[in-house]
Amino acid sequence: MKPDILDIAGNVHVLFTKKKLTLSAAESCTGGLISHSITSIAGASSFFIAGAVAYSGDIKRSILNVPPDVIAQYGVVSEETARAMAEGMLLISGSDVSVSTTGNLGPDVLEGKEKGLVYVAAARRGRTLSKALRLKGGREENKEAAAMAALRLLIELAEKDD
């Protein structure tokens, strides 16, 4: 794991500890990298309560409660699905804040969507931020870039006052 991602994860640690917030993660294309980066730093158990890798559409629906019509209408690689994943994880985990990722790391087109198209979202009590990414690197580089973007979005949401 690159130092950059650990630096951002360290910033999450400081912020969540200071604000006494709990965190959960619902990951698809990042495959647990966000959860791994958070838990690689001692003290994560004080705020990180849950992480799930929901790689298939079926698991996004059955575990994270992503509405079937969202996936049917927009696909698993969509901003709507990323938002629903974050909001679903927030509800099932009971955390204060949740983060999610979904996208196409390649090498092929998926649902008619190009390689490198990734959506990240962060949710907190009635407020959800999301962002589209168009990444140009290889699969591993894109996975790390997506995780870093999700962590940054998480920080942006958590820094906002209630």
Protein backbone atom coordinates (compact mmCIF):
# COMPACT_ATOMS: atom_id res chain seq x y z
CA MET A 1 0.00 0.00 0.00
CA LYS A 2 1.31 3.43 -0.96
CA PRO A 3 2.16 5.99 1.72
CA ASP A 4 -0.36 8.46 0.21
CA ILE A 5 -3.32 6.29 1.09
CA LEU A 6 -2.00 5.71 4.61
CA ASP A 7 -1.56 9.48 5.05
CA ILE A 8 -5.19 10.08 4.08
CA ALA A 9 -6.32 7.19 6.31
CA GLY A 10 -4.33 8.83 9.13
CA ASN A 11 -6.25 12.06 8.55
CA VAL A 12 -9.50 10.06 8.81
CA HIS A 13 -8.28 8.61 12.14
CA VAL A 14 -7.55 12.05 13.57
CA LEU A 15 -10.81 13.59 12.37
CA PHE A 16 -13.10 10.74 13.44
CA THR A 17 -11.42 10.42 16.83
CA LYS A 18 -11.60 14.18 17.43
CA LYS A 19 -15.27 14.40 16.39
CA LYS A 20 -16.19 11.11 18.09
CA LEU A 21 -17.78 9.78 14.89
CA THR A 22 -18.16 6.14 13.89
CA LEU A 23 -17.45 4.89 10.37
CA SER A 24 -18.51 2.06 8.10
CA ALA A 25 -17.55 1.21 4.51
CA ALA A 26 -19.38 -0.47 1.64
CA GLU A 27 -16.87 -1.31 -1.06
CA SER A 28 -17.20 -2.83 -4.48
CA CYS A 29 -14.40 -1.97 -6.91
CA THR A 30 -11.94 -1.15 -4.11
CA GLY A 31 -12.36 -4.67 -2.74
CA GLY A 32 -11.76 -3.77 0.91
CA LEU A 33 -8.82 -1.42 0.34
CA ILE A 34 -10.52 1.42 2.22
CA SER A 35 -11.23 -0.82 5.21
CA HIS A 36 -7.69 -2.21 5.02
CA SER A 37 -6.11 1.25 4.95
CA ILE A 38 -8.20 2.43 7.91
CA THR A 39 -7.44 -0.67 9.99
CA SER A 40 -3.73 -0.63 9.12
CA ILE A 41 -3.31 2.19 11.62
CA ALA A 42 -3.52 1.41 15.33
CA GLY A 43 -6.60 2.78 17.06
CA ALA A 44 -9.10 2.16 14.26
CA SER A 45 -11.30 0.14 16.60
CA SER A 46 -12.22 3.35 18.41
CA PHE A 47 -14.30 4.52 15.42
CA PHE A 48 -14.38 1.96 12.57
CA ILE A 49 -17.28 -0.42 13.16
CA ALA A 50 -17.98 -2.25 9.89
CA GLY A 51 -16.82 -2.90 6.37
CA ALA A 52 -18.39 -4.95 3.59
CA VAL A 53 -17.19 -5.88 0.13
CA ALA A 54 -20.33 -6.09 -1.99
CA TYR A 55 -18.93 -7.01 -5.38
CA SER A 56 -22.04 -8.42 -7.06
CA GLY A 57 -25.32 -6.70 -7.79
CA ASP A 58 -27.15 -9.40 -5.83
CA ILE A 59 -25.17 -8.62 -2.68
CA LYS A 60 -25.62 -4.89 -3.17
CA ARG A 61 -29.37 -5.55 -3.17
CA SER A 62 -29.62 -8.22 -0.45
CA ILE A 63 -27.05 -6.98 2.08
CA LEU A 64 -26.83 -3.22 1.47
CA ASN A 65 -30.49 -2.83 0.50
CA VAL A 66 -29.75 -1.07 -2.78
CA PRO A 67 -33.19 -0.89 -4.42
CA PRO A 68 -33.46 -3.30 -7.39
CA ASP A 69 -34.91 -0.52 -9.55
CA VAL A 70 -31.77 1.61 -8.97
CA ILE A 71 -29.56 -1.16 -10.34
CA ALA A 72 -32.03 -1.97 -13.13
CA GLN A 73 -32.28 1.66 -14.24
CA TYR A 74 -28.72 2.93 -13.67
CA GLY A 75 -26.55 -0.20 -13.32
CA VAL A 76 -24.10 -1.20 -10.61
CA VAL A 77 -21.59 1.30 -12.02
CA SER A 78 -23.53 4.45 -11.25
CA GLU A 79 -23.67 7.41 -8.92
CA GLU A 80 -27.13 6.31 -7.81
CA THR A 81 -25.83 2.89 -6.77
CA ALA A 82 -22.84 4.42 -4.92
CA ARG A 83 -25.19 6.70 -2.99
CA ALA A 84 -27.59 3.84 -2.19
CA MET A 85 -24.66 1.68 -1.02
CA ALA A 86 -23.41 4.37 1.38
CA GLU A 87 -26.91 5.07 2.68
CA GLY A 88 -27.67 1.35 3.05
CA MET A 89 -24.46 0.70 4.98
CA LEU A 90 -25.18 3.68 7.21
CA LEU A 91 -28.53 2.15 8.16
CA ILE A 92 -27.44 -1.46 8.65
CA SER A 93 -24.27 -0.59 10.59
CA GLY A 94 -25.67 2.21 12.71
CA SER A 95 -22.50 4.24 12.10
CA ASP A 96 -22.48 8.04 12.01
CA VAL A 97 -20.82 8.13 8.59
CA SER A 98 -20.43 5.65 5.75
CA VAL A 99 -18.38 5.58 2.56
CA SER A 100 -18.87 3.54 -0.62
CA THR A 101 -17.25 2.76 -3.96
CA THR A 102 -18.51 1.16 -7.14
CA GLY A 103 -17.05 1.21 -10.62
CA ASN A 104 -15.26 -0.44 -13.48
CA LEU A 105 -11.53 -0.97 -12.96
CA GLY A 106 -11.23 -2.82 -16.29
CA PRO A 107 -9.92 -4.22 -18.42
CA ASP A 108 -13.22 -4.45 -20.31
CA VAL A 109 -16.28 -2.28 -20.75
CA LEU A 110 -18.94 -3.10 -18.12
CA GLU A 111 -22.62 -2.21 -18.61
CA GLY A 112 -21.49 -0.11 -21.54
CA LYS A 113 -19.31 1.97 -19.19
CA GLU A 114 -15.64 2.54 -19.87
CA LYS A 115 -12.73 1.26 -17.82
CA GLY A 116 -11.80 3.71 -15.09
CA LEU A 117 -15.32 5.01 -14.44
CA VAL A 118 -15.79 4.92 -10.67
CA TYR A 119 -18.31 6.47 -8.30
CA VAL A 120 -17.62 7.22 -4.65
CA ALA A 121 -20.12 8.36 -2.03
CA ALA A 122 -20.19 9.32 1.64
CA ALA A 123 -23.36 9.46 3.74
CA ARG A 124 -24.24 11.01 7.07
CA ARG A 125 -27.72 11.41 8.62
CA GLY A 126 -29.73 12.68 5.65
CA ARG A 127 -26.78 14.08 3.72
CA THR A 128 -24.95 12.21 0.96
CA LEU A 129 -22.08 13.45 -1.17
CA SER A 130 -21.01 11.63 -4.31
CA LYS A 131 -18.47 12.05 -7.05
CA ALA A 132 -17.70 10.52 -10.44
CA LEU A 133 -14.09 9.64 -11.27
CA ARG A 134 -12.62 8.92 -14.67
CA LEU A 135 -9.36 7.15 -13.89
CA LYS A 136 -6.74 6.48 -16.55
CA GLY A 137 -4.29 4.11 -14.86
CA GLY A 138 -4.02 0.35 -14.64
CA ARG A 139 -6.31 -1.73 -12.46
CA GLU A 140 -4.29 -1.51 -9.21
CA GLU A 141 -3.49 2.18 -9.72
CA ASN A 142 -7.19 2.90 -10.31
CA LYS A 143 -8.18 0.91 -7.22
CA GLU A 144 -5.83 2.98 -5.04
CA ALA A 145 -6.96 6.24 -6.68
CA ALA A 146 -10.60 5.32 -6.06
CA ALA A 147 -9.90 4.49 -2.40
CA MET A 148 -8.04 7.78 -1.90
CA ALA A 149 -10.85 9.77 -3.57
CA ALA A 150 -13.42 8.02 -1.34
CA LEU A 151 -11.39 8.80 1.79
CA ARG A 152 -11.10 12.46 0.74
CA LEU A 153 -14.85 12.66 0.15
CA LEU A 154 -15.38 11.06 3.55
CA ILE A 155 -13.20 13.73 5.17
CA GLU A 156 -15.09 16.47 3.31
CA LEU A 157 -18.43 15.18 4.62
CA ALA A 158 -17.19 14.57 8.19
CA GLU A 159 -15.65 18.06 8.44
CA LYS A 160 -19.03 19.69 7.78
CA ASP A 161 -20.87 20.71 10.92
CA ASP A 162 -24.06 18.87 11.79
